[in-house]
Amino acid sequence: IYEAASRAFAALGHQTRVRLVLGIEGKMCLSDIAEIAEKSLQDTQYHVKILVQAGLFKAEKVGRRNYLYSLNLGMMRAIHNANKFFNLNTNT
């Protein structure tokens, strides 16, 4: 869990990726995610790739070349549970 959590937190080290994690709703295509990011498709694709590699986003192939992206709730729960396990208080 340490390695996975470390990758996830490192991926969240950029405000665009934080915006994407907080803004994604259900399954979304790259162009819709780019609107959340307020970035070009190329810039958004770069940030989404990092979130997928970190395990925070899931990618589902639709057709030959398109993907739908969604938040990986399993990873989010794992990070939340690790936080509870180590009794870290994020409100202080």
C-alpha atoms as a PDB file:
ATOM      1  CA  ILE A   1       0.000   0.000   0.000  1.00  0.00           C
ATOM      2  CA  TYR A   2       2.918   2.373   0.685  1.00  0.00           C
ATOM      3  CA  GLU A   3       4.119   2.313  -2.909  1.00  0.00           C
ATOM      4  CA  ALA A   4       0.623   2.758  -4.345  1.00  0.00           C
ATOM      5  CA  ALA A   5      -0.171   5.588  -1.932  1.00  0.00           C
ATOM      6  CA  SER A   6       3.153   7.246  -2.714  1.00  0.00           C
ATOM      7  CA  ARG A   7       2.419   7.174  -6.475  1.00  0.00           C
ATOM      8  CA  ALA A   8      -1.071   8.543  -5.871  1.00  0.00           C
ATOM      9  CA  PHE A   9       0.131  11.410  -3.690  1.00  0.00           C
ATOM     10  CA  ALA A  10       2.935  12.228  -6.137  1.00  0.00           C
ATOM     11  CA  ALA A  11       0.379  12.386  -8.960  1.00  0.00           C
ATOM     12  CA  LEU A  12      -1.662  14.842  -6.910  1.00  0.00           C
ATOM     13  CA  GLY A  13       1.337  17.170  -6.700  1.00  0.00           C
ATOM     14  CA  HIS A  14       0.002  19.261  -9.582  1.00  0.00           C
ATOM     15  CA  GLN A  15      -3.076  21.460  -9.275  1.00  0.00           C
ATOM     16  CA  THR A  16      -4.450  20.367 -12.656  1.00  0.00           C
ATOM     17  CA  ARG A  17      -4.505  16.739 -11.569  1.00  0.00           C
ATOM     18  CA  VAL A  18      -6.161  17.654  -8.265  1.00  0.00           C
ATOM     19  CA  ARG A  19      -8.788  19.571 -10.258  1.00  0.00           C
ATOM     20  CA  LEU A  20      -9.375  16.493 -12.435  1.00  0.00           C
ATOM     21  CA  VAL A  21      -9.736  14.111  -9.481  1.00  0.00           C
ATOM     22  CA  LEU A  22     -12.194  16.461  -7.792  1.00  0.00           C
ATOM     23  CA  GLY A  23     -14.092  17.242 -10.984  1.00  0.00           C
ATOM     24  CA  ILE A  24     -14.540  13.927 -12.767  1.00  0.00           C
ATOM     25  CA  GLU A  25     -18.087  12.577 -12.669  1.00  0.00           C
ATOM     26  CA  GLY A  26     -18.770   9.001 -13.694  1.00  0.00           C
ATOM     27  CA  LYS A  27     -17.175   7.993 -16.987  1.00  0.00           C
ATOM     28  CA  MET A  28     -15.911  10.880 -19.086  1.00  0.00           C
ATOM     29  CA  CYS A  29     -14.160  11.253 -22.438  1.00  0.00           C
ATOM     30  CA  LEU A  30     -10.945  13.211 -22.780  1.00  0.00           C
ATOM     31  CA  SER A  31     -12.605  16.271 -24.312  1.00  0.00           C
ATOM     32  CA  ASP A  32     -14.999  16.574 -21.352  1.00  0.00           C
ATOM     33  CA  ILE A  33     -12.110  16.165 -18.927  1.00  0.00           C
ATOM     34  CA  ALA A  34     -10.208  18.885 -20.829  1.00  0.00           C
ATOM     35  CA  GLU A  35     -13.065  21.273 -20.063  1.00  0.00           C
ATOM     36  CA  ILE A  36     -12.658  20.546 -16.337  1.00  0.00           C
ATOM     37  CA  ALA A  37      -8.905  21.033 -16.619  1.00  0.00           C
ATOM     38  CA  GLU A  38      -9.274  24.181 -18.709  1.00  0.00           C
ATOM     39  CA  LYS A  39      -6.344  22.852 -20.748  1.00  0.00           C
ATOM     40  CA  SER A  40      -5.764  21.678 -24.317  1.00  0.00           C
ATOM     41  CA  LEU A  41      -6.472  18.060 -25.220  1.00  0.00           C
ATOM     42  CA  GLN A  42      -2.728  17.362 -25.364  1.00  0.00           C
ATOM     43  CA  ASP A  43      -2.070  18.824 -21.921  1.00  0.00           C
ATOM     44  CA  THR A  44      -5.091  17.036 -20.474  1.00  0.00           C
ATOM     45  CA  GLN A  45      -4.005  13.726 -21.984  1.00  0.00           C
ATOM     46  CA  TYR A  46      -0.634  14.090 -20.268  1.00  0.00           C
ATOM     47  CA  HIS A  47      -2.236  14.689 -16.857  1.00  0.00           C
ATOM     48  CA  VAL A  48      -4.793  11.896 -17.318  1.00  0.00           C
ATOM     49  CA  LYS A  49      -1.986   9.487 -18.242  1.00  0.00           C
ATOM     50  CA  ILE A  50      -0.225  10.261 -14.967  1.00  0.00           C
ATOM     51  CA  LEU A  51      -3.454   9.728 -13.012  1.00  0.00           C
ATOM     52  CA  VAL A  52      -4.018   6.381 -14.749  1.00  0.00           C
ATOM     53  CA  GLN A  53      -0.426   5.273 -14.061  1.00  0.00           C
ATOM     54  CA  ALA A  54      -0.844   6.268 -10.411  1.00  0.00           C
ATOM     55  CA  GLY A  55      -4.005   4.179 -10.189  1.00  0.00           C
ATOM     56  CA  LEU A  56      -6.284   7.139  -9.446  1.00  0.00           C
ATOM     57  CA  PHE A  57      -8.119   6.940 -12.794  1.00  0.00           C
ATOM     58  CA  LYS A  58      -9.330   3.899 -14.691  1.00  0.00           C
ATOM     59  CA  ALA A  59      -9.322   3.851 -18.496  1.00  0.00           C
ATOM     60  CA  GLU A  60     -11.932   1.919 -20.446  1.00  0.00           C
ATOM     61  CA  LYS A  61     -11.365   1.458 -24.159  1.00  0.00           C
ATOM     62  CA  VAL A  62     -14.388   2.314 -26.275  1.00  0.00           C
ATOM     63  CA  GLY A  63     -14.059   1.529 -29.953  1.00  0.00           C
ATOM     64  CA  ARG A  64     -10.689   1.438 -31.654  1.00  0.00           C
ATOM     65  CA  ARG A  65      -9.061   4.612 -30.368  1.00  0.00           C
ATOM     66  CA  ASN A  66     -11.229   6.215 -27.714  1.00  0.00           C
ATOM     67  CA  TYR A  67     -11.264   5.849 -23.960  1.00  0.00           C
ATOM     68  CA  LEU A  68     -13.594   6.729 -21.136  1.00  0.00           C
ATOM     69  CA  TYR A  69     -11.955   7.651 -17.859  1.00  0.00           C
ATOM     70  CA  SER A  70     -13.322   7.358 -14.350  1.00  0.00           C
ATOM     71  CA  LEU A  71     -12.126   7.727 -10.795  1.00  0.00           C
ATOM     72  CA  ASN A  72     -10.704   4.499  -9.361  1.00  0.00           C
ATOM     73  CA  LEU A  73     -12.838   4.280  -6.242  1.00  0.00           C
ATOM     74  CA  GLY A  74     -10.906   1.236  -5.026  1.00  0.00           C
ATOM     75  CA  MET A  75      -7.690   3.265  -4.872  1.00  0.00           C
ATOM     76  CA  MET A  76      -9.465   6.152  -3.178  1.00  0.00           C
ATOM     77  CA  ARG A  77     -10.863   3.771  -0.533  1.00  0.00           C
ATOM     78  CA  ALA A  78      -7.433   2.195  -0.015  1.00  0.00           C
ATOM     79  CA  ILE A  79      -5.863   5.606   0.614  1.00  0.00           C
ATOM     80  CA  HIS A  80      -8.707   6.558   2.936  1.00  0.00           C
ATOM     81  CA  ASN A  81      -8.385   3.292   4.873  1.00  0.00           C
ATOM     82  CA  ALA A  82      -4.614   3.681   5.160  1.00  0.00           C
ATOM     83  CA  ASN A  83      -5.200   7.155   6.552  1.00  0.00           C
ATOM     84  CA  LYS A  84      -7.598   5.748   9.167  1.00  0.00           C
ATOM     85  CA  PHE A  85      -5.188   2.901   9.974  1.00  0.00           C
ATOM     86  CA  PHE A  86      -2.343   5.283  10.717  1.00  0.00           C
ATOM     87  CA  ASN A  87      -4.735   7.588  12.563  1.00  0.00           C
ATOM     88  CA  LEU A  88      -3.697  10.607  10.518  1.00  0.00           C
ATOM     89  CA  ASN A  89      -5.867  13.644  11.050  1.00  0.00           C
ATOM     90  CA  THR A  90      -6.108  15.791   7.927  1.00  0.00           C
ATOM     91  CA  ASN A  91      -7.982  18.551   9.772  1.00  0.00           C
ATOM     92  CA  THR A  92      -5.007  19.735  11.817  1.00  0.00           C
END
